[in-house]
């Protein structure tokens, strides 16, 4: 089957590529339909590694996916051929201590699509555990189904924040994940969310949603905007989604005393932290790594109409233009949020 293959750092190809696999009794075979381009895919393309995950051999990219079930294993009862689905890309070891604790996202043994040496899903067919394959309601399109993966990160962040109804939140960073976090925070009960960034086109996109206000930090600091919004008290929850060192350092200035800080963005290198600033307000610190046990909730919110992710899909490109799509993602245009690849019928 033809796949989008990262041959080595900086070199992609569309070519026949065999991904070994056998349909087990608890698995499903899926014809992929839509696959989103994620920042981690782009990072592997441009840098050849993320932390200690290094691309040493050709690897198929892609992990944000939807598709159609074409075959089911003998033990699968909740899915059938023809079902439209999306797939949670991390496969944990169900016997691991992390999985037993319900935190399978931090299972050291998890096998995650497009994380070396595990191949991704930018290929016509994949085999996947039925337990991590979710049927899409009629109201949710393939394109939206492929958005369940990044939105799940927003859901994880909102859950880690322990939002109280009526909370005021601030999100630093209006990239795709920052936008997902902002929408999840609203859905989780926040009365208002302030999104801070320096890319005005992205702020315009997320600012079009009811309940979200924006601030361009080229014109006004996030701290000043939060102070004006909260009469100097500070935000109940601060979601740091940029991974930028200045943003991480400035987090204590944004939160109210006794508030919460959720670290979502991943800095490329270690960054300084104002520990005394955190201590002086007794801020609660939470961290996010992917997600666990939220995919069904994410899909339910989309199906209900309470969360509309369609405005965040900037372009859908045919598989034949996948390399061009990745090159466009590398450009990081301020008007782009999520680029998706549509697989051949």
Protein backbone atom coordinates (compact mmCIF):
# COMPACT_ATOMS: atom_id res chain seq x y z
CA UNK A 1 0.00 0.00 0.00
CA UNK A 2 1.22 3.50 -0.80
CA UNK A 3 2.03 5.57 2.29
CA UNK A 4 3.55 8.91 3.24
CA UNK A 5 6.99 7.90 4.47
CA UNK A 6 9.52 9.98 6.35
CA UNK A 7 12.66 8.51 4.84
CA UNK A 8 14.99 10.60 6.98
CA UNK A 9 15.16 14.09 8.44
CA UNK A 10 13.89 16.54 5.80
CA UNK A 11 12.87 13.95 3.19
CA UNK A 12 9.37 12.62 2.55
CA UNK A 13 8.14 10.26 -0.14
CA UNK A 14 4.89 8.73 -1.34
CA UNK A 15 5.65 5.09 -2.06
CA UNK A 16 4.55 1.52 -1.52
CA UNK A 17 5.27 0.56 2.06
CA UNK A 18 4.40 -2.65 3.85
CA UNK A 19 3.35 -2.31 7.48
CA UNK A 20 3.32 -5.81 8.98
CA UNK A 21 0.17 -6.70 10.87
CA UNK A 22 -2.39 -9.42 11.44
CA UNK A 23 -6.03 -8.83 12.32
CA UNK A 24 -6.48 -10.24 15.81
CA UNK A 25 -9.80 -11.21 17.40
CA UNK A 26 -10.06 -7.85 19.22
CA UNK A 27 -8.95 -5.73 16.24
CA UNK A 28 -10.60 -3.94 13.35
CA UNK A 29 -9.31 -3.16 9.87
CA UNK A 30 -10.02 0.41 8.82
CA UNK A 31 -9.88 2.19 5.48
CA UNK A 32 -8.46 5.57 6.42
CA UNK A 33 -10.32 8.61 5.17
CA UNK A 34 -8.94 11.79 6.76
CA UNK A 35 -5.62 12.32 8.57
CA UNK A 36 -4.61 15.57 10.24
CA UNK A 37 -1.08 16.98 10.09
CA UNK A 38 0.13 17.42 13.66
CA UNK A 39 2.97 19.54 14.96
CA UNK A 40 4.78 16.41 16.10
CA UNK A 41 4.65 15.02 12.52
CA UNK A 42 6.15 18.27 11.28
CA UNK A 43 8.80 18.21 14.01
CA UNK A 44 9.90 14.70 13.02
CA UNK A 45 10.04 15.91 9.40
CA UNK A 46 12.17 18.96 10.16
CA UNK A 47 14.30 17.69 13.07
CA UNK A 48 14.26 13.89 12.75
CA UNK A 49 13.54 13.46 16.46
CA UNK A 50 11.54 14.65 19.44
CA UNK A 51 13.47 14.23 22.67
CA UNK A 52 14.68 10.66 22.91
CA UNK A 53 12.35 9.52 20.10
CA UNK A 54 14.64 9.42 17.06
CA UNK A 55 13.75 8.43 13.48
CA UNK A 56 16.44 5.88 12.66
CA UNK A 57 14.52 4.08 9.89
CA UNK A 58 11.84 5.08 7.37
CA UNK A 59 8.57 5.74 9.22
CA UNK A 60 4.99 6.33 8.10
CA UNK A 61 3.62 9.58 9.57
CA UNK A 62 0.15 10.52 10.81
CA UNK A 63 -1.85 9.87 13.98
CA UNK A 64 -4.99 12.05 13.80
CA UNK A 65 -7.34 9.87 11.80
CA UNK A 66 -10.84 8.83 10.86
CA UNK A 67 -12.03 6.16 8.49
CA UNK A 68 -14.42 3.29 7.77
CA UNK A 69 -14.35 -0.19 9.28
CA UNK A 70 -13.91 -2.83 6.57
CA UNK A 71 -13.28 -5.94 8.70
CA UNK A 72 -13.67 -6.89 12.36
CA UNK A 73 -12.04 -9.53 14.52
CA UNK A 74 -14.03 -12.47 15.84
CA UNK A 75 -14.41 -10.99 19.33
CA UNK A 76 -15.52 -7.50 18.24
CA UNK A 77 -19.22 -6.85 18.85
CA UNK A 78 -19.62 -3.06 19.05
CA UNK A 79 -18.32 -2.29 15.55
CA UNK A 80 -19.22 -3.63 12.10
CA UNK A 81 -18.02 -3.16 8.52
CA UNK A 82 -19.30 0.14 7.19
CA UNK A 83 -19.10 1.98 10.51
CA UNK A 84 -17.53 5.42 10.34
CA UNK A 85 -14.95 5.73 13.10
CA UNK A 86 -12.04 7.66 14.52
CA UNK A 87 -9.08 6.06 16.20
CA UNK A 88 -7.24 6.86 19.41
CA UNK A 89 -3.61 6.46 18.31
CA UNK A 90 -2.00 5.29 21.56
CA UNK A 91 -2.13 1.58 22.39
CA UNK A 92 -1.14 0.85 25.99
CA UNK A 93 -0.27 -2.42 27.65
CA UNK A 94 -3.51 -3.28 29.50
CA UNK A 95 -1.55 -5.19 32.14
CA UNK A 96 0.77 -2.29 32.98
CA UNK A 97 0.63 -0.48 36.31
CA UNK A 98 -0.16 2.79 34.51
CA UNK A 99 -3.10 1.26 32.64
CA UNK A 100 -4.47 -0.26 35.85
CA UNK A 101 -4.34 3.20 37.44
CA UNK A 102 -6.27 4.67 34.50
CA UNK A 103 -3.33 6.79 33.34
CA UNK A 104 -2.43 4.75 30.28
CA UNK A 105 -1.26 7.89 28.48
CA UNK A 106 1.91 7.83 30.60
CA UNK A 107 2.44 4.08 30.24
CA UNK A 108 6.11 3.67 29.27
CA UNK A 109 5.08 0.73 27.09
CA UNK A 110 2.43 2.64 25.08
CA UNK A 111 2.71 2.25 21.31
CA UNK A 112 1.71 5.54 19.69
CA UNK A 113 1.21 5.99 15.95
CA UNK A 114 4.03 7.87 14.20
CA UNK A 115 6.30 7.79 17.25
CA UNK A 116 9.50 5.89 16.42
CA UNK A 117 9.59 2.98 15.85
CA UNK A 118 5.78 2.75 15.47
CA UNK A 119 4.35 3.56 12.03
CA UNK A 120 1.50 6.02 11.63
CA UNK A 121 -1.72 5.99 9.64
CA UNK A 122 -1.02 7.98 6.45
CA UNK A 123 -1.65 4.83 4.49
CA UNK A 124 -4.87 3.45 2.92
CA UNK A 125 -5.57 0.82 5.59
CA UNK A 126 -4.68 0.26 9.23
CA UNK A 127 -5.30 -2.45 11.81
CA UNK A 128 -6.22 -1.09 15.23
CA UNK A 129 -7.62 -2.39 18.54
CA UNK A 130 -11.40 -2.12 18.58
CA UNK A 131 -11.22 -0.83 22.16
CA UNK A 132 -9.49 2.32 20.88
CA UNK A 133 -11.74 2.75 17.84
CA UNK A 134 -14.83 4.94 18.25
CA UNK A 135 -17.96 5.04 16.12
CA UNK A 136 -18.76 8.49 14.77
CA UNK A 137 -22.30 9.81 15.18
CA UNK A 138 -24.03 10.87 11.96
CA UNK A 139 -23.61 14.53 12.91
CA UNK A 140 -19.80 14.21 13.02
CA UNK A 141 -17.98 14.24 9.68
CA UNK A 142 -14.76 12.40 8.85
CA UNK A 143 -12.91 15.72 9.03
CA UNK A 144 -14.27 16.41 12.50
CA UNK A 145 -13.56 12.83 13.55
CA UNK A 146 -9.90 13.35 12.71
CA UNK A 147 -9.99 16.43 14.98
CA UNK A 148 -10.97 14.31 17.98
CA UNK A 149 -7.28 13.57 18.63
CA UNK A 150 -6.09 17.16 19.16
CA UNK A 151 -9.36 18.07 20.89
CA UNK A 152 -8.76 15.21 23.33
CA UNK A 153 -5.66 17.07 24.50
CA UNK A 154 -7.86 20.07 25.25
CA UNK A 155 -10.24 17.81 27.12
CA UNK A 156 -7.39 16.35 29.16
CA UNK A 157 -6.23 19.86 30.06
CA UNK A 158 -9.72 20.94 31.11
CA UNK A 159 -10.09 17.87 33.31
CA UNK A 160 -6.67 18.41 34.91
CA UNK A 161 -7.66 22.00 35.69
CA UNK A 162 -10.67 20.87 37.77
CA UNK A 163 -12.72 23.74 36.36
CA UNK A 164 -15.51 25.13 38.52
CA UNK A 165 -18.61 26.54 36.79
CA UNK A 166 -18.07 30.21 36.07
CA UNK A 167 -14.27 30.14 36.19
CA UNK A 168 -12.26 32.67 34.20
CA UNK A 169 -9.40 31.08 32.25
CA UNK A 170 -6.50 32.36 30.23
CA UNK A 171 -4.75 30.41 27.47
CA UNK A 172 -1.26 31.46 26.41
CA UNK A 173 -0.66 30.37 22.82
CA UNK A 174 -3.21 30.32 19.99
CA UNK A 175 -1.81 27.37 18.09
CA UNK A 176 -4.04 24.40 17.32
CA UNK A 177 -3.68 22.98 20.82
CA UNK A 178 -4.24 26.34 22.49
CA UNK A 179 -7.47 26.70 20.53
CA UNK A 180 -8.56 23.19 21.48
CA UNK A 181 -7.84 23.93 25.15
CA UNK A 182 -9.83 27.17 25.01
CA UNK A 183 -12.88 25.42 23.53
CA UNK A 184 -12.61 22.54 25.99
CA UNK A 185 -12.37 25.01 28.89
CA UNK A 186 -15.59 26.68 27.76
CA UNK A 187 -17.30 23.32 27.38
CA UNK A 188 -16.00 22.35 30.83
CA UNK A 189 -17.74 25.25 32.53
CA UNK A 190 -15.61 28.36 32.17
CA UNK A 191 -17.63 31.55 31.82
CA UNK A 192 -14.96 33.26 29.79
CA UNK A 193 -11.59 32.39 28.24
CA UNK A 194 -8.91 34.89 27.28
CA UNK A 195 -6.50 33.70 24.57
CA UNK A 196 -3.13 35.47 24.29
CA UNK A 197 -0.82 35.27 21.29
CA UNK A 198 1.10 37.48 18.87
CA UNK A 199 -0.38 36.10 15.62
CA UNK A 200 -3.45 38.24 14.93
CA UNK A 201 -4.93 35.96 12.22
CA UNK A 202 -5.05 33.06 14.69
CA UNK A 203 -6.56 35.31 17.37
CA UNK A 204 -9.23 36.37 14.87
CA UNK A 205 -10.15 32.73 14.24
CA UNK A 206 -10.49 31.71 17.89
CA UNK A 207 -11.95 35.07 18.88
CA UNK A 208 -14.95 34.46 16.65
CA UNK A 209 -16.28 31.93 19.19
CA UNK A 210 -18.74 33.11 21.83
CA UNK A 211 -17.17 33.28 25.28
CA UNK A 212 -13.61 33.78 24.02
CA UNK A 213 -11.74 37.07 24.16
CA UNK A 214 -8.28 37.65 22.75
CA UNK A 215 -5.23 39.80 23.35
CA UNK A 216 -2.35 40.38 20.99
CA UNK A 217 0.71 40.48 23.23
CA UNK A 218 2.48 42.73 20.71
CA UNK A 219 0.04 45.44 21.80
CA UNK A 220 -0.74 44.59 25.41
CA UNK A 221 0.77 42.12 27.87
CA UNK A 222 -1.24 39.09 28.88
CA UNK A 223 -0.85 40.14 32.52
CA UNK A 224 -2.41 43.54 31.83
CA UNK A 225 -5.28 42.00 29.88
CA UNK A 226 -6.00 39.50 32.65
CA UNK A 227 -5.86 42.24 35.29
CA UNK A 228 -8.38 44.33 33.33
CA UNK A 229 -10.67 41.33 32.84
CA UNK A 230 -10.61 40.29 36.51
CA UNK A 231 -10.32 43.65 38.31
CA UNK A 232 -6.75 42.79 39.26
CA UNK A 233 -7.60 39.46 40.89
CA UNK A 234 -6.22 37.09 38.24
CA UNK A 235 -7.52 34.10 36.30
CA UNK A 236 -8.89 31.04 38.07
CA UNK A 237 -7.05 28.79 35.62
CA UNK A 238 -4.01 29.46 33.44
CA UNK A 239 -3.37 27.09 30.55
CA UNK A 240 0.16 27.50 29.18
CA UNK A 241 0.00 26.17 25.62
CA UNK A 242 2.87 27.92 23.84
CA UNK A 243 5.89 26.20 25.36
CA UNK A 244 7.68 29.56 25.05
CA UNK A 245 10.11 30.38 27.85
CA UNK A 246 8.79 33.94 28.49
CA UNK A 247 5.22 32.64 28.73
CA UNK A 248 6.17 29.93 31.21
CA UNK A 249 8.12 32.43 33.31
CA UNK A 250 5.19 34.85 33.34
CA UNK A 251 2.53 32.34 34.40
CA UNK A 252 2.37 33.40 38.09
CA UNK A 253 1.42 36.94 37.06
CA UNK A 254 -1.73 35.67 35.34
CA UNK A 255 -3.26 33.47 38.05
CA UNK A 256 -5.31 34.48 41.06
CA UNK A 257 -4.16 33.46 44.55
CA UNK A 258 -4.95 29.76 45.01
CA UNK A 259 -5.58 29.31 41.31
CA UNK A 260 -4.44 26.54 38.97
CA UNK A 261 -1.77 26.41 36.29
CA UNK A 262 -1.93 23.69 33.63
CA UNK A 263 1.23 23.17 31.57
CA UNK A 264 0.22 21.92 28.13
CA UNK A 265 2.83 23.32 25.73
CA UNK A 266 6.11 21.45 25.45
CA UNK A 267 9.27 23.60 25.42
CA UNK A 268 11.98 22.31 23.11
CA UNK A 269 14.60 22.90 25.82
CA UNK A 270 14.36 23.36 29.61
CA UNK A 271 12.96 26.77 30.56
CA UNK A 272 13.21 28.94 33.71
CA UNK A 273 10.32 28.86 36.18
CA UNK A 274 9.40 31.50 38.78
CA UNK A 275 9.00 29.13 41.71
CA UNK A 276 8.64 31.89 44.30
CA UNK A 277 5.96 33.53 42.18
CA UNK A 278 4.07 30.23 42.16
CA UNK A 279 4.59 29.72 45.89
CA UNK A 280 3.52 33.24 46.86
CA UNK A 281 0.04 32.51 45.47
CA UNK A 282 0.05 28.80 46.41
CA UNK A 283 -0.77 27.94 42.82
CA UNK A 284 -1.64 24.36 41.96
CA UNK A 285 0.46 23.02 39.08
CA UNK A 286 -0.87 20.37 36.71
CA UNK A 287 0.76 18.87 33.62
CA UNK A 288 -0.66 17.27 30.48
CA UNK A 289 0.76 14.50 28.31
CA UNK A 290 -1.61 13.44 25.55
CA UNK A 291 -4.90 12.16 27.08
CA UNK A 292 -6.64 9.19 28.66
CA UNK A 293 -10.29 8.16 28.81
CA UNK A 294 -11.63 11.27 27.05
CA UNK A 295 -12.16 10.30 23.39
CA UNK A 296 -15.81 9.36 23.86
CA UNK A 297 -16.46 12.65 25.68
CA UNK A 298 -14.77 14.63 22.92
CA UNK A 299 -16.91 12.96 20.25
CA UNK A 300 -20.08 13.49 22.31
CA UNK A 301 -19.37 17.22 22.60
CA UNK A 302 -18.88 17.51 18.85
CA UNK A 303 -22.05 15.52 18.14
CA UNK A 304 -24.07 17.71 20.52
CA UNK A 305 -23.07 20.87 18.67
CA UNK A 306 -21.61 22.42 21.82
CA UNK A 307 -18.14 22.30 20.30
CA UNK A 308 -17.72 23.19 16.62
CA UNK A 309 -14.24 22.42 15.31
CA UNK A 310 -15.03 22.96 11.62
CA UNK A 311 -13.75 26.57 11.59
CA UNK A 312 -10.35 25.30 12.67
CA UNK A 313 -9.87 23.14 9.55
CA UNK A 314 -7.88 25.40 7.25
CA UNK A 315 -7.47 23.09 4.24
CA UNK A 316 -8.15 19.51 3.14
CA UNK A 317 -5.56 18.25 0.64
CA UNK A 318 -5.67 15.06 -1.44
CA UNK A 319 -3.20 12.33 -0.55
CA UNK A 320 -1.29 12.98 -3.76
CA UNK A 321 -0.46 16.45 -2.40
CA UNK A 322 0.54 15.22 1.07
CA UNK A 323 4.19 16.26 0.74
CA UNK A 324 3.14 19.75 -0.33
CA UNK A 325 0.78 19.78 2.64
CA UNK A 326 3.63 19.01 5.02
CA UNK A 327 5.79 21.68 3.42
CA UNK A 328 2.93 24.15 3.95
CA UNK A 329 2.71 23.05 7.59
CA UNK A 330 6.43 23.74 7.98
CA UNK A 331 5.78 27.32 6.81
CA UNK A 332 3.51 27.77 9.88
CA UNK A 333 1.29 30.32 8.15
CA UNK A 334 -0.51 32.55 10.63
CA UNK A 335 -3.80 31.86 8.83
CA UNK A 336 -3.49 28.07 9.13
CA UNK A 337 -4.76 26.10 12.11
CA UNK A 338 -5.26 22.50 11.02
CA UNK A 339 -4.31 20.99 7.67
CA UNK A 340 -5.75 17.60 6.78
CA UNK A 341 -4.98 14.91 4.19
CA UNK A 342 -7.87 13.10 2.49
CA UNK A 343 -6.97 9.56 1.50
CA UNK A 344 -7.94 7.99 -1.86
CA UNK A 345 -11.38 6.40 -2.00
